[in-house]
Protein backbone atom coordinates (compact mmCIF):
# COMPACT_ATOMS: atom_id res chain seq x y z
CA UNK A 1 -0.03 -0.07 -0.02
CA UNK A 2 1.37 3.46 -0.89
CA UNK A 3 1.63 6.03 1.88
CA UNK A 4 3.40 8.69 -0.20
CA UNK A 5 2.77 9.39 -3.84
CA UNK A 6 4.49 11.78 -6.27
CA UNK A 7 2.67 12.77 -9.45
CA UNK A 8 4.63 14.55 -12.07
CA UNK A 9 6.51 16.66 -9.62
CA UNK A 10 8.98 19.25 -10.83
CA UNK A 11 11.02 21.90 -8.88
CA UNK A 12 13.21 24.42 -10.53
CA UNK A 13 15.87 22.61 -12.50
CA UNK A 14 16.35 20.07 -9.98
CA UNK A 15 13.38 17.68 -10.25
CA UNK A 16 11.89 16.74 -13.65
CA UNK A 17 8.37 15.27 -13.80
CA UNK A 18 8.94 12.81 -10.82
CA UNK A 19 6.18 10.18 -10.51
CA UNK A 20 6.30 7.24 -7.99
CA UNK A 21 5.35 6.10 -4.62
CA UNK A 22 6.66 4.93 -1.34
CA UNK A 23 5.04 1.98 0.28
CA UNK A 24 3.69 1.90 3.84
CA UNK A 25 5.90 0.22 6.57
CA UNK A 26 8.72 -0.14 4.10
CA UNK A 27 12.32 1.34 3.79
CA UNK A 28 13.12 3.12 0.62
CA UNK A 29 16.56 4.26 -0.31
CA UNK A 30 17.07 7.12 -2.56
CA UNK A 31 20.26 6.46 -4.59
CA UNK A 32 22.04 8.22 -7.41
CA UNK A 33 24.95 10.61 -8.44
CA UNK A 34 25.60 13.78 -6.65
CA UNK A 35 23.24 16.42 -7.72
CA UNK A 36 20.56 13.84 -8.82
CA UNK A 37 17.78 15.52 -6.68
CA UNK A 38 17.81 12.95 -3.79
CA UNK A 39 17.93 15.40 -0.88
CA UNK A 40 15.38 17.76 -2.79
CA UNK A 41 12.93 14.99 -3.17
CA UNK A 42 13.12 14.04 0.59
CA UNK A 43 12.54 17.87 1.45
CA UNK A 44 9.34 17.77 -0.62
CA UNK A 45 7.81 15.04 1.36
CA UNK A 46 7.45 17.15 4.55
CA UNK A 47 6.97 20.63 2.81
CA UNK A 48 10.46 21.97 3.47
CA UNK A 49 10.40 22.97 -0.23
CA UNK A 50 7.40 23.08 -2.62
CA UNK A 51 7.02 21.83 -6.13
CA UNK A 52 6.65 24.09 -9.13
CA UNK A 53 4.29 21.75 -10.59
CA UNK A 54 2.79 18.37 -9.92
CA UNK A 55 1.37 16.96 -6.59
CA UNK A 56 2.49 14.91 -3.66
CA UNK A 57 -0.04 12.83 -1.61
CA UNK A 58 0.44 11.71 2.00
CA UNK A 59 -2.19 9.11 3.08
CA UNK A 60 -4.24 10.00 -0.07
CA UNK A 61 -4.40 13.74 0.79
CA UNK A 62 -2.49 16.47 -1.20
CA UNK A 63 0.30 17.78 1.18
CA UNK A 64 -0.65 21.36 0.27
CA UNK A 65 -3.98 20.71 2.03
CA UNK A 66 -2.10 19.87 5.32
CA UNK A 67 -1.29 22.42 7.85
CA UNK A 68 2.52 22.41 7.53
CA UNK A 69 3.04 21.99 11.32
CA UNK A 70 0.61 19.07 11.38
CA UNK A 71 2.29 17.58 8.35
CA UNK A 72 5.71 17.63 10.06
CA UNK A 73 4.27 16.07 13.15
CA UNK A 74 3.53 12.98 11.01
CA UNK A 75 6.64 13.13 9.19
CA UNK A 76 9.99 13.32 11.08
CA UNK A 77 13.31 14.22 9.60
CA UNK A 78 16.91 13.61 10.54
CA UNK A 79 19.98 15.20 8.70
CA UNK A 80 23.66 14.13 8.51
CA UNK A 81 24.79 16.91 10.60
CA UNK A 82 22.29 16.07 13.39
CA UNK A 83 21.82 19.80 14.31
CA UNK A 84 21.27 20.35 18.13
CA UNK A 85 20.33 23.21 20.29
CA UNK A 86 22.63 24.10 23.12
CA UNK A 87 21.82 22.27 26.39
CA UNK A 88 21.17 18.71 27.30
CA UNK A 89 19.89 15.71 25.43
CA UNK A 90 16.56 16.22 27.32
CA UNK A 91 16.40 19.90 26.03
CA UNK A 92 16.66 18.66 22.57
CA UNK A 93 14.24 15.77 22.86
CA UNK A 94 11.65 18.38 24.50
CA UNK A 95 11.94 20.59 21.33
CA UNK A 96 9.59 18.79 19.00
CA UNK A 97 6.75 18.85 21.65
CA UNK A 98 7.42 22.47 22.57
CA UNK A 99 6.53 23.42 18.81
CA UNK A 100 3.05 22.32 19.72
CA UNK A 101 3.04 23.96 23.24
CA UNK A 102 3.24 20.48 24.64
CA UNK A 103 5.56 18.95 27.25
CA UNK A 104 7.64 15.65 27.22
CA UNK A 105 8.10 13.92 30.43
CA UNK A 106 11.55 12.41 31.61
CA UNK A 107 9.85 9.04 31.56
CA UNK A 108 8.78 9.42 27.94
CA UNK A 109 12.35 10.74 27.13
CA UNK A 110 13.97 7.80 28.81
CA UNK A 111 11.78 5.48 26.70
CA UNK A 112 12.93 7.29 23.57
CA UNK A 113 16.50 6.98 24.53
CA UNK A 114 15.96 3.25 25.14
CA UNK A 115 14.55 2.88 21.65
CA UNK A 116 17.85 4.14 20.32
CA UNK A 117 19.94 1.98 22.69
CA UNK A 118 21.03 4.89 24.95
CA UNK A 119 20.55 4.59 28.78
CA UNK A 120 18.84 7.16 30.85
CA UNK A 121 22.13 8.71 31.97
CA UNK A 122 22.21 10.44 28.65
CA UNK A 123 19.18 12.53 29.52
CA UNK A 124 21.22 15.31 31.29
CA UNK A 125 24.30 14.88 29.07
CA UNK A 126 25.46 18.08 27.35
CA UNK A 127 24.94 17.64 23.58
CA UNK A 128 28.28 19.22 22.84
CA UNK A 129 29.93 16.18 24.60
CA UNK A 130 28.20 13.52 22.50
CA UNK A 131 30.22 11.48 20.07
CA UNK A 132 29.16 11.43 16.35
CA UNK A 133 27.29 7.97 16.90
CA UNK A 134 25.58 9.28 20.03
CA UNK A 135 24.40 12.45 18.13
CA UNK A 136 23.00 10.27 15.35
CA UNK A 137 21.10 8.23 17.93
CA UNK A 138 19.78 11.30 19.74
CA UNK A 139 18.65 12.84 16.37
CA UNK A 140 16.75 9.61 15.55
CA UNK A 141 15.13 9.62 19.03
CA UNK A 142 14.10 13.23 18.57
CA UNK A 143 12.32 12.32 15.34
CA UNK A 144 10.31 9.87 17.19
CA UNK A 145 8.98 12.32 19.84
CA UNK A 146 5.80 13.09 18.05
CA UNK A 147 5.13 9.43 17.09
CA UNK A 148 5.35 10.00 13.31
CA UNK A 149 4.32 7.69 10.54
CA UNK A 150 7.28 8.37 8.43
CA UNK A 151 10.92 9.14 8.89
CA UNK A 152 13.02 10.95 6.45
CA UNK A 153 16.74 10.42 6.80
CA UNK A 154 19.34 12.45 4.88
CA UNK A 155 22.83 10.86 4.78
CA UNK A 156 22.66 10.19 8.67
CA UNK A 157 25.68 7.89 8.51
CA UNK A 158 27.89 9.77 6.17
CA UNK A 159 30.23 11.15 8.75
CA UNK A 160 30.32 7.84 10.81
CA UNK A 161 32.88 5.04 10.56
CA UNK A 162 32.09 1.62 9.21
CA UNK A 163 31.39 0.12 12.80
CA UNK A 164 29.13 3.03 13.82
CA UNK A 165 27.32 3.06 10.37
CA UNK A 166 26.50 -0.62 10.83
CA UNK A 167 25.11 0.07 14.27
CA UNK A 168 22.95 2.87 12.91
CA UNK A 169 21.74 0.72 10.12
CA UNK A 170 20.56 -2.09 12.61
CA UNK A 171 18.94 0.59 14.74
CA UNK A 172 16.99 1.89 11.76
CA UNK A 173 15.73 -1.66 11.01
CA UNK A 174 14.78 -2.10 14.53
CA UNK A 175 12.92 1.07 14.87
CA UNK A 176 11.08 0.59 11.46
CA UNK A 177 9.77 -2.72 12.92
CA UNK A 178 9.06 -1.67 16.38
CA UNK A 179 7.09 1.54 15.40
CA UNK A 180 5.64 0.28 12.02
CA UNK A 181 7.42 3.21 10.29
CA UNK A 182 7.72 4.07 6.63
CA UNK A 183 11.29 5.22 6.14
CA UNK A 184 12.70 7.09 3.22
CA UNK A 185 16.41 7.82 3.27
CA UNK A 186 19.13 9.23 1.18
CA UNK A 187 22.49 7.19 0.98
CA UNK A 188 25.47 7.26 -1.21
CA UNK A 189 26.49 3.88 0.07
CA UNK A 190 25.07 1.21 -2.18
CA UNK A 191 26.06 -1.70 -0.02
CA UNK A 192 24.19 -0.09 2.84
CA UNK A 193 21.27 0.57 0.62
CA UNK A 194 21.18 -3.28 -0.15
CA UNK A 195 21.43 -4.22 3.57
CA UNK A 196 18.86 -2.07 4.91
CA UNK A 197 16.24 -1.21 2.21
CA UNK A 198 13.13 -2.77 0.82
CA UNK A 199 12.85 -0.59 -2.11
CA UNK A 200 15.09 1.54 -4.18
CA UNK A 201 14.46 4.95 -6.11
CA UNK A 202 17.30 5.60 -8.48
CA UNK A 203 17.51 9.33 -9.48
CA UNK A 204 19.76 11.00 -12.03
CA UNK A 205 19.66 14.48 -13.43
CA UNK A 206 16.46 15.16 -11.51
CA UNK A 207 14.56 12.24 -13.00
CA UNK A 208 13.30 9.05 -11.43
CA UNK A 209 15.01 6.71 -13.78
CA UNK A 210 14.22 3.29 -12.12
CA UNK A 211 12.33 2.22 -8.93
CA UNK A 212 11.35 -1.14 -7.40
CA UNK A 213 12.45 -3.69 -4.85
CA UNK A 214 16.00 -3.62 -3.74
CA UNK A 215 17.22 -6.45 -6.08
CA UNK A 216 17.01 -3.80 -9.02
CA UNK A 217 20.61 -3.07 -7.69
CA UNK A 218 21.44 -6.54 -8.76
CA UNK A 219 19.46 -6.68 -11.98
CA UNK A 220 19.02 -3.20 -13.28
CA UNK A 221 16.83 -2.65 -16.26
CA UNK A 222 18.18 0.68 -17.51
CA UNK A 223 21.53 1.55 -19.02
CA UNK A 224 21.52 4.53 -16.76
CA UNK A 225 21.52 2.40 -13.62
CA UNK A 226 23.87 -0.09 -15.02
CA UNK A 227 26.34 2.76 -15.77
CA UNK A 228 25.94 4.22 -12.34
CA UNK A 229 26.61 0.83 -10.60
CA UNK A 230 29.77 0.59 -12.77
CA UNK A 231 31.06 3.97 -11.76
CA UNK A 232 32.58 5.53 -8.65
CA UNK A 233 30.00 8.37 -8.42
CA UNK A 234 28.23 7.38 -5.19
C-alpha cells in the first residue's frame, strides 16, 4: 500500500516530472549521483520545499491541504549533521513537543533513549559532549518524539566510521519494525542500501530513472542504472 505518492513533480531545474510512490511500512533508499535530486525529493515530502508543478500525496491527501506543522508532526526528519540546540539531550528531545506547546516527561524521554540504545544517564548529558554516533542516535530519538508515521533520513551515517554506520543501520531496521514506520532515506553507500532497504529509487539529473524492490541493484533494467553501478560516483 502506498503511503506517499509523487505525481509529475517538478522543482526548478532540480526535479523533472517525478512520479512514483513509497510503500507503507517499508524502507526506501534514494540513490544516485551527486546532484541527482535526492535530498530535494526528501524535502518535498514534509514541505521544506514546494513543487513548482505536480502533486504529492500523503495518506491519499495532497500535502498542500495539510497545515504544515501538522504535516511535520506526522513526518519526522533527521540530517547528516544532526543539528542540536545548546543544552542537554533532554532539552533537545523536548523541542519537537514544544513546537506544539506540549511537554515531554522524563519518563517518555527515557523510553525514547532506550529505543535508540542509549541509557537514561544520557538525559542530562550536554549535547556538545556527544560522540558522532551518539548524536545520530539522539537525532533519531528526537524524530520519534511526536510519534510520526514517516521518517526521512538524509545521509545520517555519512560522517560515521564503518562500525558505527552498521550500528545505526541495525537501529533503523529495529525502529522501523518496532514503530511500523515508513522510512525514506538518502544514502551514497550502495552496500548499505542493499543491507537495509526494501525498495530503491534511482535518480539521475532530476529524474526518477528506475524504482522497485532492492534487487534492482543486482538486476538493473536501464543503462543509466547499470552505468551508475559501474562508476565510482556514489
